[in-house]
N, C-alpha and C. Protein backbone atom coordinates (compact mmCIF):
# COMPACT_ATOMS: atom_id res chain seq x y z
N MET A 1 6.50 12.54 13.15
CA MET A 1 6.24 12.67 11.73
C MET A 1 6.83 13.99 11.27
N SER A 2 7.54 13.98 10.15
CA SER A 2 8.15 15.19 9.66
C SER A 2 7.07 16.15 9.19
N GLY A 3 7.39 17.43 9.17
CA GLY A 3 6.42 18.44 8.77
C GLY A 3 5.89 18.23 7.37
N SER A 4 6.80 17.98 6.40
CA SER A 4 6.35 17.83 5.02
C SER A 4 5.51 16.56 4.85
N LEU A 5 5.89 15.49 5.53
CA LEU A 5 5.11 14.26 5.44
C LEU A 5 3.73 14.47 6.04
N GLY A 6 3.68 15.15 7.17
CA GLY A 6 2.40 15.42 7.81
C GLY A 6 1.49 16.26 6.94
N ARG A 7 2.08 17.30 6.32
CA ARG A 7 1.29 18.16 5.44
C ARG A 7 0.82 17.39 4.21
N ALA A 8 1.73 16.58 3.65
CA ALA A 8 1.37 15.82 2.44
C ALA A 8 0.28 14.81 2.74
N SER A 9 0.42 14.07 3.84
CA SER A 9 -0.60 13.07 4.13
C SER A 9 -1.91 13.73 4.53
N ALA A 10 -1.84 14.91 5.16
CA ALA A 10 -3.07 15.62 5.51
C ALA A 10 -3.77 16.14 4.27
N ALA A 11 -2.99 16.44 3.23
CA ALA A 11 -3.56 16.97 2.00
C ALA A 11 -4.21 15.89 1.14
N LEU A 12 -3.85 14.64 1.39
CA LEU A 12 -4.43 13.55 0.61
C LEU A 12 -5.91 13.40 0.93
N LEU A 13 -6.64 12.91 -0.04
CA LEU A 13 -8.08 12.73 0.14
C LEU A 13 -8.39 11.74 1.23
N HIS A 14 -9.44 12.00 1.98
CA HIS A 14 -9.92 11.06 2.99
C HIS A 14 -11.24 10.49 2.50
N LEU A 15 -11.25 9.20 2.25
CA LEU A 15 -12.45 8.55 1.75
C LEU A 15 -13.10 7.74 2.85
N GLY A 16 -14.34 7.33 2.62
CA GLY A 16 -15.12 6.61 3.62
C GLY A 16 -14.55 5.26 3.99
N ARG A 17 -15.06 4.71 5.07
CA ARG A 17 -14.65 3.41 5.57
C ARG A 17 -15.76 2.41 5.31
N GLY A 18 -15.41 1.15 5.18
CA GLY A 18 -16.44 0.16 4.94
C GLY A 18 -15.87 -1.22 4.78
N VAL A 19 -16.65 -2.10 4.21
CA VAL A 19 -16.26 -3.49 4.01
C VAL A 19 -15.38 -3.58 2.78
N LEU A 20 -14.37 -4.42 2.84
CA LEU A 20 -13.46 -4.58 1.73
C LEU A 20 -13.94 -5.67 0.79
N LEU A 21 -13.75 -5.46 -0.47
CA LEU A 21 -14.20 -6.40 -1.49
C LEU A 21 -13.03 -6.83 -2.35
N ARG A 22 -13.24 -7.88 -3.13
CA ARG A 22 -12.24 -8.34 -4.10
C ARG A 22 -12.76 -8.02 -5.49
N GLY A 23 -11.95 -8.18 -6.45
CA GLY A 23 -12.30 -7.85 -7.82
C GLY A 23 -11.72 -6.49 -8.11
N PRO A 24 -12.56 -5.54 -8.50
CA PRO A 24 -12.01 -4.22 -8.74
C PRO A 24 -11.71 -3.49 -7.45
N ALA A 25 -12.02 -4.10 -6.33
CA ALA A 25 -11.74 -3.46 -5.05
C ALA A 25 -10.50 -4.08 -4.41
N LEU A 26 -10.55 -4.35 -3.14
CA LEU A 26 -9.37 -4.76 -2.39
C LEU A 26 -9.55 -6.14 -1.78
N ARG A 27 -8.43 -6.78 -1.54
CA ARG A 27 -8.44 -8.04 -0.82
C ARG A 27 -7.57 -7.84 0.42
N THR A 28 -8.11 -8.15 1.55
CA THR A 28 -7.31 -8.09 2.76
C THR A 28 -7.17 -9.49 3.32
N ARG A 29 -6.09 -9.68 3.98
CA ARG A 29 -5.83 -10.98 4.57
C ARG A 29 -5.30 -10.78 5.98
N SER A 30 -5.69 -11.67 6.83
CA SER A 30 -5.06 -11.79 8.14
C SER A 30 -5.34 -13.20 8.60
N SER A 31 -4.57 -13.63 9.53
CA SER A 31 -4.78 -14.99 10.02
C SER A 31 -5.46 -14.97 11.37
N GLY A 32 -5.90 -13.79 11.77
CA GLY A 32 -6.61 -13.71 13.03
C GLY A 32 -5.67 -13.37 14.18
N PRO A 33 -6.22 -12.96 15.28
CA PRO A 33 -5.41 -12.60 16.44
C PRO A 33 -4.57 -13.77 16.93
N GLY A 34 -3.39 -13.43 17.39
CA GLY A 34 -2.54 -14.44 17.98
C GLY A 34 -1.52 -15.03 17.05
N GLY A 35 -1.62 -14.76 15.77
CA GLY A 35 -0.61 -15.25 14.84
C GLY A 35 -0.92 -16.63 14.33
N SER A 36 -0.16 -17.01 13.30
CA SER A 36 -0.49 -18.25 12.63
C SER A 36 0.72 -19.06 12.23
N GLY A 37 1.89 -18.46 12.32
CA GLY A 37 3.06 -19.15 11.81
C GLY A 37 3.14 -19.08 10.30
N LEU A 38 2.33 -18.23 9.66
CA LEU A 38 2.34 -18.11 8.21
C LEU A 38 3.40 -17.15 7.71
N ALA A 39 4.37 -16.84 8.53
CA ALA A 39 5.36 -15.84 8.15
C ALA A 39 6.68 -16.47 7.71
N SER A 40 6.64 -17.69 7.21
CA SER A 40 7.87 -18.29 6.70
C SER A 40 8.32 -17.52 5.47
N ARG A 41 9.59 -17.57 5.19
CA ARG A 41 10.13 -16.85 4.04
C ARG A 41 9.43 -17.27 2.74
N GLU A 42 9.17 -18.56 2.60
CA GLU A 42 8.50 -19.06 1.40
C GLU A 42 7.09 -18.50 1.28
N HIS A 43 6.39 -18.48 2.40
CA HIS A 43 5.02 -17.95 2.40
C HIS A 43 5.02 -16.46 2.07
N LEU A 44 5.92 -15.71 2.69
CA LEU A 44 6.00 -14.27 2.42
C LEU A 44 6.38 -14.01 0.97
N ASP A 45 7.28 -14.82 0.44
CA ASP A 45 7.68 -14.69 -0.96
C ASP A 45 6.47 -14.88 -1.87
N ALA A 46 5.64 -15.86 -1.54
CA ALA A 46 4.43 -16.10 -2.33
C ALA A 46 3.44 -14.94 -2.20
N LEU A 47 3.30 -14.38 -1.00
CA LEU A 47 2.38 -13.26 -0.79
C LEU A 47 2.78 -12.04 -1.61
N VAL A 48 4.06 -11.67 -1.58
CA VAL A 48 4.47 -10.44 -2.25
C VAL A 48 4.46 -10.59 -3.77
N LYS A 49 4.48 -11.84 -4.25
CA LYS A 49 4.49 -12.06 -5.70
C LYS A 49 3.13 -12.42 -6.27
N LYS A 50 2.15 -12.61 -5.41
CA LYS A 50 0.84 -13.07 -5.85
C LYS A 50 0.05 -12.00 -6.61
N ASP A 51 0.20 -10.75 -6.23
CA ASP A 51 -0.53 -9.65 -6.85
C ASP A 51 0.46 -8.60 -7.36
N LYS A 52 0.02 -7.77 -8.30
CA LYS A 52 0.89 -6.71 -8.83
C LYS A 52 1.26 -5.71 -7.76
N VAL A 53 0.29 -5.37 -6.91
CA VAL A 53 0.51 -4.41 -5.82
C VAL A 53 0.13 -5.10 -4.52
N VAL A 54 1.06 -5.09 -3.57
CA VAL A 54 0.84 -5.70 -2.26
C VAL A 54 1.28 -4.70 -1.19
N VAL A 55 0.43 -4.53 -0.18
CA VAL A 55 0.74 -3.62 0.91
C VAL A 55 0.56 -4.35 2.24
N PHE A 56 1.56 -4.24 3.08
CA PHE A 56 1.47 -4.70 4.47
C PHE A 56 1.32 -3.44 5.30
N LEU A 57 0.21 -3.36 6.04
CA LEU A 57 -0.08 -2.14 6.76
C LEU A 57 -0.67 -2.43 8.12
N LYS A 58 -0.76 -1.38 8.91
CA LYS A 58 -1.43 -1.47 10.21
C LYS A 58 -2.88 -1.10 9.98
N GLY A 59 -3.75 -2.08 10.16
CA GLY A 59 -5.16 -1.89 9.89
C GLY A 59 -5.49 -2.38 8.49
N THR A 60 -6.55 -1.84 7.95
CA THR A 60 -7.00 -2.21 6.61
C THR A 60 -7.04 -0.94 5.75
N PRO A 61 -7.11 -1.08 4.44
CA PRO A 61 -7.21 0.12 3.61
C PRO A 61 -8.44 0.97 3.95
N GLN A 62 -9.51 0.33 4.39
CA GLN A 62 -10.70 1.09 4.76
C GLN A 62 -10.61 1.67 6.17
N GLN A 63 -9.76 1.08 7.01
CA GLN A 63 -9.58 1.57 8.37
C GLN A 63 -8.12 1.46 8.79
N PRO A 64 -7.27 2.31 8.21
CA PRO A 64 -5.85 2.28 8.61
C PRO A 64 -5.71 2.66 10.08
N GLN A 65 -4.77 2.02 10.75
CA GLN A 65 -4.60 2.25 12.18
C GLN A 65 -3.39 3.12 12.50
N CYS A 66 -2.74 3.67 11.48
CA CYS A 66 -1.67 4.64 11.73
C CYS A 66 -1.61 5.61 10.56
N GLY A 67 -1.05 6.77 10.79
CA GLY A 67 -0.99 7.81 9.77
C GLY A 67 -0.18 7.42 8.54
N PHE A 68 0.88 6.66 8.74
CA PHE A 68 1.72 6.26 7.62
C PHE A 68 0.98 5.26 6.72
N SER A 69 0.28 4.30 7.35
CA SER A 69 -0.52 3.36 6.57
C SER A 69 -1.63 4.10 5.83
N ASN A 70 -2.25 5.06 6.48
CA ASN A 70 -3.29 5.87 5.84
C ASN A 70 -2.73 6.62 4.65
N ALA A 71 -1.54 7.19 4.78
CA ALA A 71 -0.94 7.94 3.67
C ALA A 71 -0.69 7.04 2.47
N VAL A 72 -0.22 5.82 2.69
CA VAL A 72 0.00 4.87 1.59
C VAL A 72 -1.31 4.56 0.89
N VAL A 73 -2.35 4.29 1.66
CA VAL A 73 -3.67 4.00 1.10
C VAL A 73 -4.17 5.18 0.27
N GLN A 74 -4.01 6.39 0.79
CA GLN A 74 -4.49 7.58 0.08
C GLN A 74 -3.70 7.84 -1.20
N ILE A 75 -2.41 7.60 -1.18
CA ILE A 75 -1.60 7.76 -2.39
C ILE A 75 -2.07 6.78 -3.46
N LEU A 76 -2.28 5.54 -3.08
CA LEU A 76 -2.77 4.55 -4.05
C LEU A 76 -4.14 4.97 -4.59
N ARG A 77 -5.01 5.47 -3.72
CA ARG A 77 -6.33 5.92 -4.16
C ARG A 77 -6.23 7.08 -5.15
N LEU A 78 -5.32 8.02 -4.87
CA LEU A 78 -5.15 9.15 -5.79
C LEU A 78 -4.76 8.68 -7.18
N HIS A 79 -4.03 7.60 -7.25
CA HIS A 79 -3.59 7.04 -8.53
C HIS A 79 -4.62 6.09 -9.12
N GLY A 80 -5.72 5.87 -8.40
CA GLY A 80 -6.78 4.99 -8.90
C GLY A 80 -6.46 3.52 -8.75
N VAL A 81 -5.50 3.19 -7.91
CA VAL A 81 -5.15 1.78 -7.68
C VAL A 81 -6.14 1.24 -6.66
N THR A 82 -7.06 0.41 -7.15
CA THR A 82 -8.12 -0.11 -6.29
C THR A 82 -8.04 -1.62 -6.13
N SER A 83 -7.25 -2.27 -6.95
CA SER A 83 -7.14 -3.72 -6.86
C SER A 83 -5.74 -4.07 -6.39
N TYR A 84 -5.63 -4.34 -5.11
CA TYR A 84 -4.35 -4.75 -4.54
C TYR A 84 -4.58 -5.60 -3.30
N ALA A 85 -3.58 -6.38 -2.98
CA ALA A 85 -3.66 -7.20 -1.77
C ALA A 85 -3.14 -6.39 -0.59
N ALA A 86 -3.90 -6.41 0.48
CA ALA A 86 -3.53 -5.68 1.69
C ALA A 86 -3.54 -6.65 2.86
N TYR A 87 -2.48 -6.63 3.63
CA TYR A 87 -2.34 -7.54 4.77
C TYR A 87 -2.19 -6.74 6.05
N ASP A 88 -3.08 -6.97 6.99
CA ASP A 88 -3.10 -6.26 8.27
C ASP A 88 -2.13 -6.94 9.24
N VAL A 89 -1.01 -6.31 9.48
CA VAL A 89 0.01 -6.91 10.36
C VAL A 89 -0.39 -6.85 11.83
N LEU A 90 -1.37 -6.02 12.18
CA LEU A 90 -1.81 -5.96 13.57
C LEU A 90 -2.58 -7.22 13.97
N GLU A 91 -3.11 -7.94 12.98
CA GLU A 91 -3.87 -9.16 13.24
C GLU A 91 -2.96 -10.37 13.44
N ASP A 92 -1.69 -10.25 13.09
CA ASP A 92 -0.80 -11.41 13.13
C ASP A 92 0.62 -10.97 13.50
N PRO A 93 1.02 -11.14 14.76
CA PRO A 93 2.37 -10.74 15.18
C PRO A 93 3.48 -11.43 14.39
N ASP A 94 3.25 -12.68 13.98
CA ASP A 94 4.26 -13.39 13.19
C ASP A 94 4.44 -12.73 11.83
N LEU A 95 3.34 -12.33 11.21
CA LEU A 95 3.40 -11.65 9.93
C LEU A 95 4.09 -10.29 10.08
N ARG A 96 3.76 -9.59 11.15
CA ARG A 96 4.34 -8.26 11.39
C ARG A 96 5.86 -8.33 11.48
N GLN A 97 6.37 -9.27 12.25
CA GLN A 97 7.83 -9.39 12.36
C GLN A 97 8.42 -10.06 11.13
N GLY A 98 7.70 -11.03 10.59
CA GLY A 98 8.21 -11.77 9.45
C GLY A 98 8.44 -10.90 8.24
N ILE A 99 7.51 -9.96 7.95
CA ILE A 99 7.68 -9.11 6.77
C ILE A 99 8.82 -8.13 6.96
N LYS A 100 9.05 -7.71 8.20
CA LYS A 100 10.20 -6.84 8.49
C LYS A 100 11.50 -7.59 8.23
N ASP A 101 11.55 -8.83 8.66
CA ASP A 101 12.75 -9.64 8.43
C ASP A 101 12.93 -9.95 6.95
N TYR A 102 11.84 -10.24 6.28
CA TYR A 102 11.87 -10.59 4.85
C TYR A 102 12.46 -9.45 4.02
N SER A 103 12.01 -8.23 4.29
CA SER A 103 12.45 -7.07 3.51
C SER A 103 13.70 -6.41 4.07
N ASN A 104 14.06 -6.79 5.28
CA ASN A 104 15.15 -6.11 5.98
C ASN A 104 14.84 -4.61 6.12
N TRP A 105 13.57 -4.33 6.36
CA TRP A 105 13.07 -2.95 6.52
C TRP A 105 12.32 -2.92 7.84
N PRO A 106 12.67 -2.01 8.75
CA PRO A 106 12.16 -2.11 10.13
C PRO A 106 10.75 -1.58 10.37
N THR A 107 10.14 -0.97 9.38
CA THR A 107 8.86 -0.30 9.66
C THR A 107 7.73 -0.81 8.76
N ILE A 108 6.53 -0.52 9.20
CA ILE A 108 5.29 -0.79 8.48
C ILE A 108 4.65 0.57 8.25
N PRO A 109 4.08 0.83 7.10
CA PRO A 109 3.71 -0.05 6.01
C PRO A 109 4.87 -0.39 5.09
N GLN A 110 4.66 -1.45 4.32
CA GLN A 110 5.60 -1.86 3.29
C GLN A 110 4.83 -2.10 2.00
N VAL A 111 5.39 -1.58 0.90
CA VAL A 111 4.74 -1.67 -0.40
C VAL A 111 5.62 -2.50 -1.34
N TYR A 112 4.98 -3.42 -2.06
CA TYR A 112 5.64 -4.26 -3.06
C TYR A 112 4.94 -4.06 -4.39
N LEU A 113 5.72 -3.84 -5.43
CA LEU A 113 5.19 -3.74 -6.79
C LEU A 113 5.81 -4.85 -7.62
N ASN A 114 4.95 -5.70 -8.17
CA ASN A 114 5.38 -6.83 -8.98
C ASN A 114 6.42 -7.70 -8.26
N GLY A 115 6.18 -7.91 -6.97
CA GLY A 115 7.05 -8.77 -6.18
C GLY A 115 8.31 -8.11 -5.65
N GLU A 116 8.53 -6.86 -6.02
CA GLU A 116 9.73 -6.14 -5.59
C GLU A 116 9.40 -5.17 -4.47
N PHE A 117 10.22 -5.17 -3.43
CA PHE A 117 10.02 -4.24 -2.33
C PHE A 117 10.32 -2.82 -2.79
N VAL A 118 9.37 -1.93 -2.59
CA VAL A 118 9.54 -0.52 -2.95
C VAL A 118 10.01 0.28 -1.76
N GLY A 119 9.35 0.10 -0.62
CA GLY A 119 9.69 0.85 0.58
C GLY A 119 8.45 1.08 1.40
N GLY A 120 8.55 2.09 2.24
CA GLY A 120 7.43 2.43 3.10
C GLY A 120 6.75 3.70 2.64
N CYS A 121 6.09 4.35 3.56
CA CYS A 121 5.32 5.56 3.27
C CYS A 121 6.21 6.65 2.67
N ASP A 122 7.37 6.87 3.26
CA ASP A 122 8.23 7.96 2.81
C ASP A 122 8.67 7.76 1.36
N ILE A 123 9.00 6.54 1.00
CA ILE A 123 9.45 6.25 -0.37
C ILE A 123 8.28 6.39 -1.34
N LEU A 124 7.11 5.85 -0.98
CA LEU A 124 5.95 5.95 -1.86
C LEU A 124 5.54 7.42 -2.05
N LEU A 125 5.60 8.20 -0.99
CA LEU A 125 5.28 9.62 -1.09
C LEU A 125 6.25 10.33 -2.02
N GLN A 126 7.53 10.03 -1.88
CA GLN A 126 8.53 10.62 -2.76
C GLN A 126 8.28 10.23 -4.22
N MET A 127 7.97 8.95 -4.46
CA MET A 127 7.68 8.49 -5.82
C MET A 127 6.44 9.18 -6.38
N HIS A 128 5.46 9.40 -5.53
CA HIS A 128 4.24 10.11 -5.94
C HIS A 128 4.59 11.55 -6.33
N GLN A 129 5.38 12.20 -5.51
CA GLN A 129 5.70 13.61 -5.73
C GLN A 129 6.56 13.83 -6.96
N ASN A 130 7.49 12.90 -7.24
CA ASN A 130 8.40 13.12 -8.38
C ASN A 130 7.93 12.45 -9.67
N GLY A 131 6.79 11.77 -9.64
CA GLY A 131 6.25 11.16 -10.84
C GLY A 131 6.70 9.73 -11.09
N ASP A 132 7.61 9.21 -10.28
CA ASP A 132 8.08 7.84 -10.49
C ASP A 132 6.99 6.81 -10.30
N LEU A 133 6.03 7.08 -9.42
CA LEU A 133 4.98 6.10 -9.16
C LEU A 133 4.12 5.89 -10.41
N VAL A 134 3.85 6.96 -11.14
CA VAL A 134 3.09 6.84 -12.39
C VAL A 134 3.82 5.89 -13.34
N GLU A 135 5.13 6.05 -13.45
CA GLU A 135 5.91 5.21 -14.35
C GLU A 135 5.96 3.76 -13.88
N GLU A 136 6.11 3.54 -12.59
CA GLU A 136 6.15 2.17 -12.06
C GLU A 136 4.81 1.48 -12.24
N LEU A 137 3.73 2.21 -12.03
CA LEU A 137 2.41 1.62 -12.25
C LEU A 137 2.21 1.28 -13.72
N LYS A 138 2.69 2.13 -14.60
CA LYS A 138 2.58 1.87 -16.04
C LYS A 138 3.27 0.57 -16.40
N LYS A 139 4.43 0.28 -15.79
CA LYS A 139 5.14 -0.97 -16.03
C LYS A 139 4.31 -2.19 -15.62
N LEU A 140 3.41 -1.99 -14.67
CA LEU A 140 2.54 -3.07 -14.19
C LEU A 140 1.25 -3.16 -15.00
N GLY A 141 1.09 -2.27 -15.96
CA GLY A 141 -0.14 -2.25 -16.74
C GLY A 141 -1.26 -1.50 -16.04
N ILE A 142 -0.91 -0.65 -15.09
CA ILE A 142 -1.89 0.13 -14.34
C ILE A 142 -1.75 1.59 -14.75
N ARG A 143 -2.82 2.14 -15.28
CA ARG A 143 -2.79 3.56 -15.67
C ARG A 143 -3.18 4.41 -14.47
N SER A 144 -2.30 5.32 -14.11
CA SER A 144 -2.58 6.19 -12.97
C SER A 144 -3.73 7.13 -13.29
N ALA A 145 -4.64 7.27 -12.35
CA ALA A 145 -5.77 8.19 -12.50
C ALA A 145 -5.28 9.63 -12.59
N LEU A 146 -4.08 9.90 -12.10
CA LEU A 146 -3.56 11.26 -12.17
C LEU A 146 -3.28 11.66 -13.61
N LEU A 147 -3.00 10.70 -14.48
CA LEU A 147 -2.80 11.02 -15.89
C LEU A 147 -4.10 11.55 -16.49
N ASP A 148 -5.21 10.94 -16.11
CA ASP A 148 -6.51 11.39 -16.60
C ASP A 148 -6.86 12.76 -16.01
N ALA A 149 -6.52 12.98 -14.76
CA ALA A 149 -6.78 14.27 -14.12
C ALA A 149 -5.98 15.36 -14.81
N ASN A 150 -4.72 15.07 -15.17
CA ASN A 150 -3.89 16.05 -15.86
C ASN A 150 -4.43 16.34 -17.24
N THR A 151 -4.91 15.33 -17.94
CA THR A 151 -5.49 15.50 -19.26
C THR A 151 -6.74 16.37 -19.18
N ASP A 152 -7.56 16.13 -18.17
CA ASP A 152 -8.77 16.95 -17.98
C ASP A 152 -8.42 18.41 -17.76
N GLN A 153 -7.38 18.68 -16.97
CA GLN A 153 -6.98 20.04 -16.69
C GLN A 153 -6.36 20.70 -17.91
N ASP A 154 -5.62 19.93 -18.71
CA ASP A 154 -5.00 20.49 -19.91
C ASP A 154 -6.04 20.90 -20.93
N SER A 155 -7.19 20.23 -20.96
CA SER A 155 -8.21 20.53 -21.95
C SER A 155 -9.08 21.72 -21.54
N LYS A 156 -8.89 22.25 -20.36
CA LYS A 156 -9.68 23.41 -19.89
C LYS A 156 -9.05 24.71 -20.30
């Protein structure tokens, strides 16, 4: 892990772990250990387009199993993005390889906004740092919580 990425992900908030919910919270999906054959291109296309924000990660948003997946979850939390589909690739080897083939991107996590592949942890971190993520979320009708945090600080 690069020094700046390590420092940035270490600086992100660490929130508690628990059960995942749907609605204003999160939806996670897996097909269970051993795989399911659900990694066809058509199925993956449907998954990435089903929700405004979709993340394929190692573990779950409440219990990420790698630092990069954790950093993506924390960046989304900082922006107040709480309603997104999350798919645990560790639960399904077919999904893990299938999403890599689908995106032509060799690593996990992978983030999709409005059905479009954004990238992995490094790209999302860069978008967070340069303000592009706020703008992309706005296009999806999602107001970044960082805008409210900045407004609060400006009024002090």
